[in-house]
Amino acid sequence: MGAGGRMSVRPETKTPDSPVLKRVPYSKPPFTLGQVKKAIPPHCFQRSVLHSFSYVIYDLAIATIFYYIATNYIHLLPHPFPYLAWPVYWFAQGCVLTGVWVIAHECGHHAFSDYQWLDDTVGLILHSSLLVPYFSWKYSHRRHHSNTGSLDRDEVFVPKKKSNISWFSKYLNNPPGRVITLAVTLLLGWPLYLAFNVSGRPYDRFACHFDPYGPIYSDRERLQILISDAGVLAVTYGLFRLAAAKGLAWVFCVYGGPLLIVNGFLVLITFLQHTHPSLPHYDSSEWDWFRGALATVDRDYGFLNKVFHNITDTHVAHHLFSTMPHYHAMEATKAIKPVLGDYYQFDGTSVFKAMWRETKECIYVDQDEGEKDKGVFWYKNKFE
């Protein structure tokens, strides 16, 4: 693929508020995917229906407990403590439901069980309950995995080249601008992506995850897109009836608040997995699947790693072997690190510091000076 066989130099890039960030190698790896897979214990690829369902039951049980506590006790608190208790509930319940989202994500990758029909049934129910069009996302996300790191064909969080950035970008590259950018991204990024393909791959016409005849999908996928739409509509109707009976404020407090947390974490997790000053992106002259799959980074969310079923700190392994169930991903990650060497990227920077740094440093991608003939692009933020 292009100049994929050339040796690469790992220049270092310094940022004002972070330690030295070494770029990962971008040359063809000295190991194969088969060699990486061979390093992983075979049982890590085994999917268990009982094991997978145990996580569904556990998450839903915790969510039920939080719901029971919130609806039975928060209103009993003296003023103004309910105004403090509800946001605590939103965050806690949102974290648990993000775990539920991740399990549905597993279903979309056929990592839940050996039965595709079961994976799709569970995924459709769980994702629809969170207003996610399951099959629509499944197919676009599959293309993301098939084209990770490609500036031409990746599906989500596709960085803009310097020549294509918006005129107002330089006016947002300051603290107030970054606050606005993060607020809009975390609050509205997920629905905007589903409805208008914001931050997604550009298409020659309007692209929407709810449109079965849109350019994202093929003819054989259109019926399942309609099924996804029906699932989201059914849950929306249920919420409408619930609001009519209980009131819109009750529905927001019990369901809407946690859903905003889920959507925010979903965007944040994906953003930080694929946005880092050390990660390359490739144009069509240089890209290949293996190097693209390696162009991602594991992060540390503290105790939330477990709550999120380790999708945060095992993402490199997930991109290499997406049908592997999450409960084996930590073991697999430890096994592949010695093989990947410098090609494995982990950043233990705190999440808050990382999202601020990446929003500041990763404005666009461009080739390095003197390497304009190569199809390798790096994140930059200088506008001169």
Protein backbone atom coordinates (compact mmCIF):
# COMPACT_ATOMS: atom_id res chain seq x y z
CA MET A 1 0.00 0.00 0.00
CA GLY A 2 1.79 3.09 -1.21
CA ALA A 3 5.03 3.51 0.64
CA GLY A 4 3.92 1.21 3.42
CA GLY A 5 7.20 -0.65 3.45
CA ARG A 6 9.39 2.37 4.17
CA MET A 7 11.05 2.69 7.52
CA SER A 8 9.65 5.54 9.60
CA VAL A 9 11.32 7.91 11.96
CA ARG A 10 9.50 8.71 15.19
CA PRO A 11 9.84 12.47 15.55
CA GLU A 12 8.74 13.89 18.86
CA THR A 13 6.20 16.60 19.28
CA LYS A 14 6.01 18.80 22.35
CA THR A 15 2.99 20.63 23.58
CA PRO A 16 2.98 23.41 26.14
CA ASP A 17 0.94 21.55 28.75
CA SER A 18 1.87 17.93 28.26
CA PRO A 19 4.98 15.75 28.42
CA VAL A 20 6.79 14.64 25.30
CA LEU A 21 4.38 12.66 23.14
CA LYS A 22 6.17 10.18 20.96
CA ARG A 23 4.52 9.45 17.66
CA VAL A 24 3.77 5.81 17.00
CA PRO A 25 5.56 4.22 14.04
CA TYR A 26 3.76 4.51 10.74
CA SER A 27 5.80 2.08 8.65
CA LYS A 28 4.61 -1.44 7.90
CA PRO A 29 4.79 -3.37 11.19
CA PRO A 30 7.50 -6.03 11.53
CA PHE A 31 4.82 -8.47 12.68
CA THR A 32 1.63 -9.82 11.13
CA LEU A 33 -1.93 -9.95 12.40
CA GLY A 34 -1.53 -13.71 12.64
CA GLN A 35 1.45 -13.32 14.94
CA VAL A 36 -0.51 -10.95 17.16
CA LYS A 37 -3.42 -13.38 17.31
CA LYS A 38 -1.11 -16.27 18.13
CA ALA A 39 0.07 -14.42 21.25
CA ILE A 40 -3.48 -14.37 22.64
CA PRO A 41 -4.70 -17.42 24.61
CA PRO A 42 -7.27 -19.25 22.45
CA HIS A 43 -9.99 -19.09 25.11
CA CYS A 44 -10.07 -15.29 24.76
CA PHE A 45 -11.92 -15.71 21.46
CA GLN A 46 -14.63 -17.92 22.97
CA ARG A 47 -18.07 -16.33 23.44
CA SER A 48 -20.36 -17.58 26.19
CA VAL A 49 -24.11 -16.87 26.22
CA LEU A 50 -24.30 -17.27 30.01
CA HIS A 51 -21.23 -15.13 30.65
CA SER A 52 -22.45 -12.39 28.32
CA PHE A 53 -25.97 -12.39 29.77
CA SER A 54 -24.55 -12.15 33.29
CA TYR A 55 -23.33 -8.65 32.43
CA VAL A 56 -26.74 -7.68 31.01
CA ILE A 57 -28.48 -8.88 34.16
CA TYR A 58 -25.94 -7.21 36.44
CA ASP A 59 -26.13 -3.84 34.67
CA LEU A 60 -29.91 -3.84 34.50
CA ALA A 61 -30.12 -4.84 38.18
CA ILE A 62 -27.91 -1.91 39.20
CA ALA A 63 -29.91 0.43 36.96
CA THR A 64 -33.15 -0.80 38.58
CA ILE A 65 -31.75 -0.19 42.06
CA PHE A 66 -30.69 3.35 41.13
CA TYR A 67 -34.14 3.97 39.62
CA TYR A 68 -35.88 2.69 42.75
CA ILE A 69 -33.77 4.85 45.05
CA ALA A 70 -34.24 7.96 42.91
CA THR A 71 -38.00 7.66 42.51
CA ASN A 72 -38.70 6.68 46.11
CA TYR A 73 -36.31 8.77 48.16
CA ILE A 74 -35.02 11.86 46.36
CA HIS A 75 -38.33 13.68 46.69
CA LEU A 76 -38.25 13.08 50.45
CA LEU A 77 -35.04 15.06 50.88
CA PRO A 78 -35.40 18.56 52.37
CA HIS A 79 -34.98 21.54 50.08
CA PRO A 80 -32.60 22.13 48.26
CA PHE A 81 -31.01 18.67 48.42
CA PRO A 82 -33.16 17.15 45.64
CA TYR A 83 -31.52 19.59 43.22
CA LEU A 84 -28.18 18.10 44.21
CA ALA A 85 -29.34 14.48 44.35
CA TRP A 86 -30.81 14.34 40.85
CA PRO A 87 -27.52 15.19 39.06
CA VAL A 88 -25.78 12.55 41.19
CA TYR A 89 -28.40 10.04 40.03
CA TRP A 90 -28.02 11.16 36.41
CA PHE A 91 -24.27 10.58 36.50
CA ALA A 92 -24.44 7.23 38.30
CA GLN A 93 -27.29 5.89 36.19
CA GLY A 94 -25.72 7.27 33.02
CA CYS A 95 -22.49 5.42 33.75
CA VAL A 96 -24.33 2.15 34.28
CA LEU A 97 -26.38 2.64 31.11
CA THR A 98 -23.18 3.40 29.20
CA GLY A 99 -22.18 -0.13 30.18
CA VAL A 100 -25.49 -1.34 28.73
CA TRP A 101 -24.69 0.59 25.55
CA VAL A 102 -21.32 -1.17 25.37
CA ILE A 103 -22.99 -4.59 25.62
CA ALA A 104 -25.24 -3.68 22.69
CA HIS A 105 -22.07 -2.55 20.89
CA GLU A 106 -20.71 -6.06 21.52
CA CYS A 107 -23.84 -7.48 19.91
CA GLY A 108 -23.22 -5.35 16.83
CA HIS A 109 -19.77 -6.91 16.51
CA HIS A 110 -21.11 -10.47 16.99
CA ALA A 111 -19.06 -10.64 20.20
CA PHE A 112 -21.99 -11.45 22.51
CA SER A 113 -22.62 -15.06 21.51
CA ASP A 114 -22.11 -17.58 18.72
CA TYR A 115 -25.64 -16.88 17.45
CA GLN A 116 -26.09 -13.88 15.18
CA TRP A 117 -29.86 -13.82 15.68
CA LEU A 118 -29.41 -13.64 19.46
CA ASP A 119 -26.81 -10.90 19.21
CA ASP A 120 -29.07 -8.83 16.97
CA THR A 121 -32.13 -9.39 19.18
CA VAL A 122 -30.34 -8.36 22.37
CA GLY A 123 -28.58 -5.47 20.63
CA LEU A 124 -31.81 -4.18 19.09
CA ILE A 125 -33.62 -4.19 22.44
CA LEU A 126 -30.79 -2.60 24.43
CA HIS A 127 -29.87 0.04 21.86
CA SER A 128 -33.49 0.94 21.10
CA SER A 129 -34.06 1.51 24.83
CA LEU A 130 -31.33 4.16 24.61
CA LEU A 131 -32.77 5.68 21.40
CA VAL A 132 -29.99 4.23 19.25
CA PRO A 133 -30.92 2.76 15.82
CA TYR A 134 -29.17 -0.58 16.31
CA PHE A 135 -28.76 -1.90 12.76
CA SER A 136 -28.11 1.58 11.36
CA TRP A 137 -25.24 2.10 13.77
CA LYS A 138 -24.06 -1.51 13.41
CA TYR A 139 -23.45 -1.11 9.68
CA SER A 140 -21.84 2.33 9.80
CA HIS A 141 -19.69 1.24 12.75
CA ARG A 142 -18.61 -1.87 10.86
CA ARG A 143 -17.36 0.39 8.08
CA HIS A 144 -15.50 2.44 10.66
CA HIS A 145 -13.68 -0.72 11.74
CA SER A 146 -12.96 -1.58 8.12
CA ASN A 147 -11.47 1.85 7.40
CA THR A 148 -10.00 3.13 10.67
CA GLY A 149 -7.36 5.80 10.18
CA SER A 150 -8.33 6.48 6.57
CA LEU A 151 -8.94 10.12 5.73
CA ASP A 152 -10.97 9.05 2.71
CA ARG A 153 -13.14 6.19 3.99
CA ASP A 154 -13.36 6.19 7.79
CA GLU A 155 -16.88 6.79 9.09
CA VAL A 156 -16.58 8.78 12.33
CA PHE A 157 -14.35 11.43 13.88
CA VAL A 158 -12.69 11.90 10.52
CA PRO A 159 -10.23 14.77 11.05
CA LYS A 160 -10.17 17.60 8.54
CA LYS A 161 -7.09 18.45 6.54
CA LYS A 162 -5.75 21.96 7.09
CA SER A 163 -7.05 23.05 3.71
CA ASN A 164 -10.59 21.96 4.64
CA ILE A 165 -11.05 23.36 8.12
CA SER A 166 -13.80 25.90 8.71
CA TRP A 167 -12.95 29.60 8.67
CA PHE A 168 -14.07 30.01 12.27
CA SER A 169 -11.87 27.21 13.65
CA LYS A 170 -9.01 29.54 14.54
CA TYR A 171 -11.39 31.71 16.57
CA LEU A 172 -12.35 28.69 18.71
CA ASN A 173 -8.73 27.75 19.46
CA ASN A 174 -8.75 29.50 22.84
CA PRO A 175 -10.10 28.58 26.29
CA PRO A 176 -13.65 29.96 25.83
CA GLY A 177 -13.81 28.46 22.34
CA ARG A 178 -12.69 25.07 23.61
CA VAL A 179 -15.31 25.15 26.36
CA ILE A 180 -18.00 25.84 23.75
CA THR A 181 -16.61 23.14 21.45
CA LEU A 182 -16.57 20.52 24.20
CA ALA A 183 -20.03 21.47 25.48
CA VAL A 184 -21.62 21.21 22.04
CA THR A 185 -19.72 18.01 21.22
CA LEU A 186 -20.62 16.20 24.44
CA LEU A 187 -24.23 17.39 24.62
CA LEU A 188 -25.23 17.27 20.96
CA GLY A 189 -22.49 15.32 19.19
CA TRP A 190 -24.21 11.93 19.23
CA PRO A 191 -27.70 12.98 18.00
CA LEU A 192 -26.09 15.29 15.42
CA TYR A 193 -24.00 12.40 14.12
CA LEU A 194 -27.01 10.08 13.88
CA ALA A 195 -29.31 12.64 12.30
CA PHE A 196 -26.93 14.71 10.14
CA ASN A 197 -23.67 12.71 9.98
CA VAL A 198 -21.79 15.51 11.75
CA SER A 199 -18.10 14.52 12.17
CA GLY A 200 -18.72 11.56 9.88
CA ARG A 201 -17.37 10.69 6.47
CA PRO A 202 -18.51 13.14 3.77
CA TYR A 203 -20.95 11.74 1.22
CA ASP A 204 -22.08 13.19 -2.08
CA ARG A 205 -25.59 13.70 -0.66
CA PHE A 206 -27.38 14.00 2.67
CA ALA A 207 -26.53 11.12 5.01
CA CYS A 208 -28.63 10.14 8.02
CA HIS A 209 -28.67 7.01 10.17
CA PHE A 210 -32.46 6.97 10.14
CA ASP A 211 -32.76 7.05 6.33
CA PRO A 212 -32.82 3.53 4.86
CA TYR A 213 -32.24 4.95 1.39
CA GLY A 214 -29.34 7.16 2.40
CA PRO A 215 -25.82 6.72 0.97
CA ILE A 216 -24.53 5.00 4.12
CA TYR A 217 -26.45 1.80 3.40
CA SER A 218 -26.71 -0.80 0.66
CA ASP A 219 -29.92 -2.25 -0.74
CA ARG A 220 -29.67 -5.42 1.34
CA GLU A 221 -29.40 -3.39 4.56
CA ARG A 222 -32.43 -1.15 4.06
CA LEU A 223 -35.04 -3.39 5.71
CA GLN A 224 -32.98 -3.63 8.87
CA ILE A 225 -32.62 0.15 8.95
CA LEU A 226 -36.41 0.35 8.98
CA ILE A 227 -36.48 -2.14 11.86
CA SER A 228 -34.04 0.08 13.76
CA ASP A 229 -36.25 3.09 13.12
CA ALA A 230 -39.27 1.15 14.39
CA GLY A 231 -37.41 0.27 17.58
CA VAL A 232 -36.50 3.89 18.28
CA LEU A 233 -40.04 5.04 17.43
CA ALA A 234 -41.55 2.44 19.78
CA VAL A 235 -39.41 3.64 22.69
CA THR A 236 -40.11 7.29 21.81
CA TYR A 237 -43.85 6.57 21.85
CA GLY A 238 -43.48 4.85 25.20
CA LEU A 239 -41.69 7.91 26.57
CA PHE A 240 -44.45 10.14 25.17
CA ARG A 241 -47.11 8.10 26.96
CA LEU A 242 -45.03 8.14 30.13
CA ALA A 243 -44.68 11.92 29.93
CA ALA A 244 -48.44 12.23 29.48
CA ALA A 245 -48.99 10.17 32.63
CA LYS A 246 -46.12 11.32 34.85
CA GLY A 247 -45.12 14.66 33.38
CA LEU A 248 -42.24 15.72 31.17
CA ALA A 249 -40.12 16.76 34.16
CA TRP A 250 -40.41 13.28 35.68
CA VAL A 251 -39.36 11.62 32.41
CA PHE A 252 -36.39 13.93 32.08
CA CYS A 253 -35.27 13.39 35.66
CA VAL A 254 -35.57 9.61 35.49
CA TYR A 255 -34.58 8.95 31.87
CA GLY A 256 -33.47 12.08 30.03
CA GLY A 257 -30.73 13.11 32.43
CA PRO A 258 -28.99 9.71 32.41
CA LEU A 259 -29.37 9.53 28.63
CA LEU A 260 -27.46 12.80 28.24
CA ILE A 261 -24.65 11.27 30.32
CA VAL A 262 -24.67 8.14 28.12
CA ASN A 263 -24.50 10.21 24.95
CA GLY A 264 -21.75 12.39 26.36
CA PHE A 265 -19.61 9.45 27.44
CA LEU A 266 -20.15 7.70 24.11
CA VAL A 267 -18.82 10.71 22.22
CA LEU A 268 -15.99 11.32 24.70
CA ILE A 269 -14.81 7.71 24.69
CA THR A 270 -14.79 7.53 20.89
CA PHE A 271 -13.14 10.93 20.56
CA LEU A 272 -10.30 10.07 22.93
CA GLN A 273 -9.77 6.64 21.39
CA HIS A 274 -9.12 8.10 17.95
CA THR A 275 -7.78 11.58 18.67
CA HIS A 276 -4.24 11.88 20.00
CA PRO A 277 -1.17 13.88 18.93
CA SER A 278 0.83 10.67 18.51
CA LEU A 279 -1.58 8.94 16.12
CA PRO A 280 -1.22 9.07 12.32
CA HIS A 281 -3.95 9.21 9.70
CA TYR A 282 -3.44 8.09 6.13
CA ASP A 283 -4.72 9.04 2.72
CA SER A 284 -5.51 6.43 0.08
CA SER A 285 -1.90 6.30 -1.15
CA GLU A 286 -0.61 5.07 2.20
CA TRP A 287 -3.49 3.52 4.16
CA ASP A 288 -3.87 -0.18 4.87
CA TRP A 289 -6.20 -1.89 7.29
CA PHE A 290 -3.57 -3.16 9.74
CA ARG A 291 -1.84 0.17 10.30
CA GLY A 292 -5.21 1.90 10.47
CA ALA A 293 -6.43 -0.49 13.16
CA LEU A 294 -3.28 0.21 15.16
CA ALA A 295 -3.86 3.97 14.94
CA THR A 296 -5.92 4.09 18.11
CA VAL A 297 -5.12 4.55 21.78
CA ASP A 298 -6.13 2.93 25.06
CA ARG A 299 -7.16 5.31 27.83
CA ASP A 300 -7.63 5.09 31.59
CA TYR A 301 -10.98 6.10 33.11
CA GLY A 302 -10.17 4.80 36.58
CA PHE A 303 -12.94 2.75 38.18
CA LEU A 304 -15.17 3.53 35.19
CA ASN A 305 -13.07 1.16 33.08
CA LYS A 306 -14.93 -1.71 34.74
CA VAL A 307 -18.29 0.03 34.60
CA PHE A 308 -17.76 0.54 30.86
CA HIS A 309 -16.70 -3.11 30.43
CA ASN A 310 -13.14 -2.07 29.56
CA ILE A 311 -14.01 -0.61 26.18
CA THR A 312 -11.88 2.33 27.28
CA ASP A 313 -8.59 0.58 28.05
CA THR A 314 -8.71 -2.34 25.58
CA HIS A 315 -9.61 -0.47 22.41
CA VAL A 316 -6.46 -1.40 20.50
CA ALA A 317 -7.21 -5.11 20.94
CA HIS A 318 -10.84 -4.46 20.06
CA HIS A 319 -9.91 -2.90 16.72
CA LEU A 320 -7.69 -5.85 15.87
CA PHE A 321 -10.18 -8.53 16.98
CA SER A 322 -13.65 -7.01 17.21
CA THR A 323 -15.52 -10.31 17.72
CA MET A 324 -13.64 -10.97 20.97
CA PRO A 325 -15.95 -10.57 24.01
CA HIS A 326 -15.12 -7.73 26.37
CA TYR A 327 -14.56 -10.01 29.36
CA HIS A 328 -11.45 -11.43 27.68
CA ALA A 329 -10.12 -8.15 26.30
CA MET A 330 -7.90 -7.25 29.27
CA GLU A 331 -6.13 -10.59 29.13
CA ALA A 332 -5.72 -10.23 25.37
CA THR A 333 -4.35 -6.69 25.71
CA LYS A 334 -1.67 -7.85 28.15
CA ALA A 335 -0.75 -10.66 25.75
CA ILE A 336 -0.36 -8.49 22.65
CA LYS A 337 1.62 -5.61 24.19
CA PRO A 338 5.02 -7.38 23.85
CA VAL A 339 4.29 -8.16 20.21
CA LEU A 340 3.05 -4.68 19.30
CA GLY A 341 5.89 -2.89 21.09
CA ASP A 342 5.99 0.77 20.01
CA TYR A 343 2.91 0.24 17.86
CA TYR A 344 0.81 -0.09 21.02
CA GLN A 345 -0.32 3.25 22.42
CA PHE A 346 -1.61 3.85 25.95
CA ASP A 347 -2.17 7.25 27.53
CA GLY A 348 -2.90 7.36 31.25
CA THR A 349 -3.51 11.11 31.26
CA SER A 350 -6.62 11.99 33.26
CA VAL A 351 -9.72 12.14 31.11
CA PHE A 352 -10.43 15.82 31.84
CA LYS A 353 -6.87 16.87 31.03
CA ALA A 354 -6.81 14.66 27.93
CA MET A 355 -10.01 15.99 26.42
CA TRP A 356 -8.84 19.57 26.98
CA ARG A 357 -5.40 18.84 25.51
CA GLU A 358 -6.76 17.00 22.48
CA THR A 359 -9.31 19.73 21.81
CA LYS A 360 -6.44 22.22 21.89
CA GLU A 361 -3.75 20.30 20.01
CA CYS A 362 -5.76 18.26 17.48
CA ILE A 363 -7.44 20.88 15.31
CA TYR A 364 -6.62 19.44 11.89
CA VAL A 365 -4.23 16.98 10.23
CA ASP A 366 -1.42 17.79 7.85
CA GLN A 367 1.76 16.28 6.50
CA ASP A 368 5.08 17.21 8.06
CA GLU A 369 7.31 19.69 6.27
CA GLY A 370 9.59 17.87 3.85
CA GLU A 371 7.25 14.88 3.70
CA LYS A 372 4.49 16.26 1.51
CA ASP A 373 4.95 13.32 -0.86
CA LYS A 374 3.89 10.88 1.84
CA GLY A 375 0.27 10.12 2.59
CA VAL A 376 0.83 10.30 6.36
CA PHE A 377 -0.93 13.05 8.30
CA TRP A 378 -0.50 14.18 11.91
CA TYR A 379 -2.62 16.32 14.20
CA LYS A 380 -1.59 19.99 14.36
CA ASN A 381 -3.02 23.27 15.60
CA LYS A 382 -0.95 26.08 14.07
CA PHE A 383 -2.81 28.46 11.76
CA GLU A 384 0.12 30.52 10.42
